Amino acid sequence: MDGIIDGPDTIVQIRNAIVHSQEEKRKKITKMHYRAKYEALQLGIWYVELLVLYILDFKGIYFNRCSGAGWSGEGEEKVPWAKEHK
């Protein structure tokens, strides 16, 4: 995928390549490293999880699946909109 700017742009480009499936776009998706596809999937799920928590007005601690934490208790953080401002 060329010219990716950030996480949301990554998701949009992958989604568009799948939905508006032209041969060139299918080739780009096929050439993507499996790890990049996995990370894009995890990022998309994380965005959906945060969206649901926001809609439910949740202001507590949640597990950030993108933190890379591998142990219980690690990777827990406050939702971004509930952080204390210094």
N, C-alpha and C. Protein backbone atom coordinates (compact mmCIF):
# COMPACT_ATOMS: atom_id res chain seq x y z
N MET A 1 0.86 -1.16 0.00
CA MET A 1 0.00 0.00 0.00
C MET A 1 0.91 1.23 0.00
N ASP A 2 0.65 2.12 -0.91
CA ASP A 2 1.51 3.30 -1.08
C ASP A 2 0.89 4.52 -0.44
N GLY A 3 1.73 5.38 0.07
CA GLY A 3 1.30 6.67 0.57
C GLY A 3 0.41 6.63 1.80
N ILE A 4 0.60 5.63 2.63
CA ILE A 4 -0.22 5.54 3.85
C ILE A 4 0.26 6.60 4.84
N ILE A 5 -0.69 7.32 5.41
CA ILE A 5 -0.39 8.44 6.29
C ILE A 5 -0.40 8.01 7.76
N ASP A 6 -1.46 7.31 8.17
CA ASP A 6 -1.62 6.93 9.57
C ASP A 6 -2.52 5.71 9.68
N GLY A 7 -2.90 5.35 10.90
CA GLY A 7 -3.73 4.17 11.13
C GLY A 7 -5.06 4.19 10.40
N PRO A 8 -5.84 5.27 10.56
CA PRO A 8 -7.12 5.31 9.86
C PRO A 8 -6.96 5.22 8.34
N ASP A 9 -5.92 5.86 7.81
CA ASP A 9 -5.68 5.80 6.37
C ASP A 9 -5.35 4.37 5.94
N THR A 10 -4.63 3.64 6.77
CA THR A 10 -4.32 2.24 6.48
C THR A 10 -5.60 1.43 6.33
N ILE A 11 -6.49 1.60 7.30
CA ILE A 11 -7.76 0.85 7.28
C ILE A 11 -8.58 1.23 6.05
N VAL A 12 -8.64 2.51 5.74
CA VAL A 12 -9.40 2.96 4.58
C VAL A 12 -8.84 2.38 3.29
N GLN A 13 -7.52 2.40 3.14
CA GLN A 13 -6.91 1.88 1.91
C GLN A 13 -7.13 0.38 1.75
N ILE A 14 -6.99 -0.37 2.84
CA ILE A 14 -7.23 -1.81 2.77
C ILE A 14 -8.68 -2.09 2.47
N ARG A 15 -9.57 -1.38 3.14
CA ARG A 15 -11.01 -1.56 2.90
C ARG A 15 -11.36 -1.25 1.46
N ASN A 16 -10.85 -0.14 0.94
CA ASN A 16 -11.15 0.24 -0.44
C ASN A 16 -10.59 -0.78 -1.44
N ALA A 17 -9.42 -1.33 -1.14
CA ALA A 17 -8.83 -2.33 -2.03
C ALA A 17 -9.68 -3.60 -2.07
N ILE A 18 -10.34 -3.90 -0.96
CA ILE A 18 -11.19 -5.09 -0.92
C ILE A 18 -12.55 -4.81 -1.55
N VAL A 19 -13.16 -3.70 -1.19
CA VAL A 19 -14.51 -3.38 -1.66
C VAL A 19 -14.52 -3.01 -3.14
N HIS A 20 -13.56 -2.20 -3.56
CA HIS A 20 -13.47 -1.77 -4.96
C HIS A 20 -12.37 -2.60 -5.62
N SER A 21 -12.60 -3.87 -5.65
CA SER A 21 -11.58 -4.83 -6.02
C SER A 21 -11.23 -4.78 -7.51
N GLN A 22 -10.11 -4.14 -7.80
CA GLN A 22 -9.56 -4.15 -9.14
C GLN A 22 -8.28 -4.97 -9.08
N GLU A 23 -7.85 -5.50 -10.20
CA GLU A 23 -6.70 -6.40 -10.21
C GLU A 23 -5.47 -5.79 -9.54
N GLU A 24 -5.20 -4.53 -9.82
CA GLU A 24 -4.02 -3.87 -9.25
C GLU A 24 -4.12 -3.80 -7.73
N LYS A 25 -5.31 -3.47 -7.22
CA LYS A 25 -5.50 -3.38 -5.78
C LYS A 25 -5.42 -4.75 -5.12
N ARG A 26 -5.94 -5.78 -5.78
CA ARG A 26 -5.85 -7.14 -5.24
C ARG A 26 -4.39 -7.58 -5.14
N LYS A 27 -3.58 -7.20 -6.12
CA LYS A 27 -2.16 -7.55 -6.10
C LYS A 27 -1.46 -6.88 -4.92
N LYS A 28 -1.81 -5.62 -4.65
CA LYS A 28 -1.21 -4.91 -3.52
C LYS A 28 -1.54 -5.61 -2.21
N ILE A 29 -2.78 -6.01 -2.05
CA ILE A 29 -3.19 -6.71 -0.83
C ILE A 29 -2.45 -8.05 -0.72
N THR A 30 -2.36 -8.75 -1.82
CA THR A 30 -1.68 -10.05 -1.82
C THR A 30 -0.20 -9.91 -1.46
N LYS A 31 0.43 -8.82 -1.90
CA LYS A 31 1.85 -8.61 -1.64
C LYS A 31 2.14 -8.11 -0.23
N MET A 32 1.12 -7.68 0.48
CA MET A 32 1.33 -7.19 1.85
C MET A 32 1.84 -8.33 2.72
N HIS A 33 2.78 -8.03 3.56
CA HIS A 33 3.31 -9.03 4.49
C HIS A 33 2.19 -9.43 5.45
N TYR A 34 2.16 -10.71 5.82
CA TYR A 34 1.09 -11.20 6.70
C TYR A 34 1.07 -10.45 8.02
N ARG A 35 2.23 -10.01 8.50
CA ARG A 35 2.29 -9.28 9.78
C ARG A 35 1.62 -7.92 9.64
N ALA A 36 1.79 -7.26 8.51
CA ALA A 36 1.14 -5.97 8.29
C ALA A 36 -0.38 -6.13 8.24
N LYS A 37 -0.84 -7.21 7.61
CA LYS A 37 -2.29 -7.47 7.58
C LYS A 37 -2.82 -7.72 8.99
N TYR A 38 -2.07 -8.50 9.77
CA TYR A 38 -2.48 -8.79 11.15
C TYR A 38 -2.54 -7.51 11.98
N GLU A 39 -1.52 -6.67 11.85
CA GLU A 39 -1.50 -5.42 12.62
C GLU A 39 -2.63 -4.49 12.20
N ALA A 40 -2.94 -4.44 10.93
CA ALA A 40 -4.06 -3.62 10.46
C ALA A 40 -5.38 -4.15 11.04
N LEU A 41 -5.53 -5.47 11.08
CA LEU A 41 -6.72 -6.07 11.67
C LEU A 41 -6.83 -5.71 13.15
N GLN A 42 -5.74 -5.85 13.90
CA GLN A 42 -5.76 -5.52 15.33
C GLN A 42 -6.08 -4.05 15.54
N LEU A 43 -5.53 -3.18 14.70
CA LEU A 43 -5.80 -1.75 14.81
C LEU A 43 -7.28 -1.46 14.57
N GLY A 44 -7.85 -2.08 13.53
CA GLY A 44 -9.27 -1.89 13.24
C GLY A 44 -10.16 -2.36 14.38
N ILE A 45 -9.84 -3.52 14.95
CA ILE A 45 -10.63 -4.03 16.09
C ILE A 45 -10.49 -3.09 17.27
N TRP A 46 -9.28 -2.58 17.50
CA TRP A 46 -9.06 -1.65 18.61
C TRP A 46 -9.92 -0.39 18.43
N TYR A 47 -9.97 0.14 17.21
CA TYR A 47 -10.80 1.31 16.95
C TYR A 47 -12.27 1.02 17.25
N VAL A 48 -12.74 -0.14 16.84
CA VAL A 48 -14.15 -0.51 17.10
C VAL A 48 -14.39 -0.65 18.60
N GLU A 49 -13.46 -1.28 19.31
CA GLU A 49 -13.60 -1.42 20.77
C GLU A 49 -13.68 -0.05 21.44
N LEU A 50 -12.78 0.85 21.06
CA LEU A 50 -12.81 2.19 21.64
C LEU A 50 -14.11 2.92 21.30
N LEU A 51 -14.58 2.75 20.09
CA LEU A 51 -15.83 3.38 19.69
C LEU A 51 -17.00 2.91 20.55
N VAL A 52 -17.08 1.60 20.77
CA VAL A 52 -18.16 1.05 21.60
C VAL A 52 -18.04 1.58 23.03
N LEU A 53 -16.83 1.59 23.58
CA LEU A 53 -16.63 2.11 24.94
C LEU A 53 -17.03 3.58 25.03
N TYR A 54 -16.71 4.35 24.00
CA TYR A 54 -17.06 5.77 23.99
C TYR A 54 -18.58 5.96 23.93
N ILE A 55 -19.24 5.19 23.07
CA ILE A 55 -20.69 5.28 22.94
C ILE A 55 -21.36 4.93 24.26
N LEU A 56 -20.79 3.97 24.98
CA LEU A 56 -21.34 3.56 26.28
C LEU A 56 -20.91 4.49 27.41
N ASP A 57 -20.18 5.55 27.07
CA ASP A 57 -19.71 6.55 28.03
C ASP A 57 -18.84 5.93 29.12
N PHE A 58 -18.05 4.93 28.74
CA PHE A 58 -17.16 4.26 29.67
C PHE A 58 -15.96 5.14 29.92
N LYS A 59 -15.58 5.30 31.19
CA LYS A 59 -14.46 6.16 31.53
C LYS A 59 -13.46 5.46 32.43
N GLY A 60 -13.47 4.14 32.40
CA GLY A 60 -12.59 3.37 33.27
C GLY A 60 -11.34 2.87 32.57
N ILE A 61 -10.88 1.73 33.04
CA ILE A 61 -9.65 1.11 32.53
C ILE A 61 -10.03 -0.04 31.61
N TYR A 62 -9.32 -0.15 30.50
CA TYR A 62 -9.57 -1.22 29.54
C TYR A 62 -8.22 -1.80 29.12
N PHE A 63 -8.23 -2.94 28.46
CA PHE A 63 -7.00 -3.54 27.95
C PHE A 63 -6.77 -3.07 26.52
N ASN A 64 -5.65 -2.45 26.30
CA ASN A 64 -5.28 -1.96 24.97
C ASN A 64 -4.63 -3.10 24.19
N ARG A 65 -5.36 -3.66 23.24
CA ARG A 65 -4.87 -4.80 22.46
C ARG A 65 -3.65 -4.44 21.63
N CYS A 66 -3.40 -3.15 21.38
CA CYS A 66 -2.26 -2.73 20.57
C CYS A 66 -1.04 -2.38 21.42
N SER A 67 -1.12 -2.60 22.71
CA SER A 67 -0.01 -2.24 23.60
C SER A 67 1.17 -3.18 23.49
N GLY A 68 0.94 -4.38 23.00
CA GLY A 68 2.02 -5.36 22.91
C GLY A 68 2.23 -6.12 24.21
N ALA A 69 1.40 -5.84 25.21
CA ALA A 69 1.52 -6.51 26.51
C ALA A 69 1.18 -7.99 26.37
N GLY A 70 1.92 -8.79 27.09
CA GLY A 70 1.68 -10.22 27.01
C GLY A 70 1.26 -10.85 28.33
N TRP A 71 1.23 -10.06 29.39
CA TRP A 71 0.91 -10.60 30.71
C TRP A 71 -0.33 -9.94 31.28
N SER A 72 -1.01 -10.67 32.12
CA SER A 72 -2.20 -10.13 32.80
C SER A 72 -1.81 -8.90 33.61
N GLY A 73 -2.59 -7.86 33.48
CA GLY A 73 -2.32 -6.63 34.20
C GLY A 73 -1.51 -5.63 33.40
N GLU A 74 -0.77 -6.09 32.41
CA GLU A 74 -0.04 -5.17 31.54
C GLU A 74 -0.96 -4.74 30.41
N GLY A 75 -0.74 -3.58 29.87
CA GLY A 75 -1.54 -3.11 28.74
C GLY A 75 -2.86 -2.50 29.16
N GLU A 76 -3.07 -2.40 30.46
CA GLU A 76 -4.31 -1.77 30.92
C GLU A 76 -4.07 -0.27 31.02
N GLU A 77 -5.04 0.49 30.55
CA GLU A 77 -4.93 1.95 30.60
C GLU A 77 -6.31 2.57 30.60
N LYS A 78 -6.34 3.84 30.99
CA LYS A 78 -7.61 4.58 30.94
C LYS A 78 -7.95 4.87 29.49
N VAL A 79 -9.24 4.93 29.21
CA VAL A 79 -9.64 5.30 27.86
C VAL A 79 -9.13 6.71 27.57
N PRO A 80 -8.76 7.00 26.34
CA PRO A 80 -8.12 8.30 26.01
C PRO A 80 -8.94 9.52 26.39
N TRP A 81 -10.24 9.44 26.33
CA TRP A 81 -11.07 10.61 26.62
C TRP A 81 -11.26 10.83 28.11
N ALA A 82 -10.80 9.92 28.94
CA ALA A 82 -10.94 10.07 30.39
C ALA A 82 -9.61 10.41 31.06
N LYS A 83 -8.57 10.60 30.26
CA LYS A 83 -7.26 10.91 30.84
C LYS A 83 -7.30 12.26 31.54
N GLU A 84 -6.53 12.32 32.62
CA GLU A 84 -6.45 13.58 33.36
C GLU A 84 -5.56 14.55 32.58
N HIS A 85 -5.99 15.78 32.50
CA HIS A 85 -5.19 16.80 31.81
C HIS A 85 -4.28 17.48 32.81
N LYS A 86 -3.02 17.61 32.44
CA LYS A 86 -2.05 18.25 33.35
C LYS A 86 -1.79 19.65 32.92
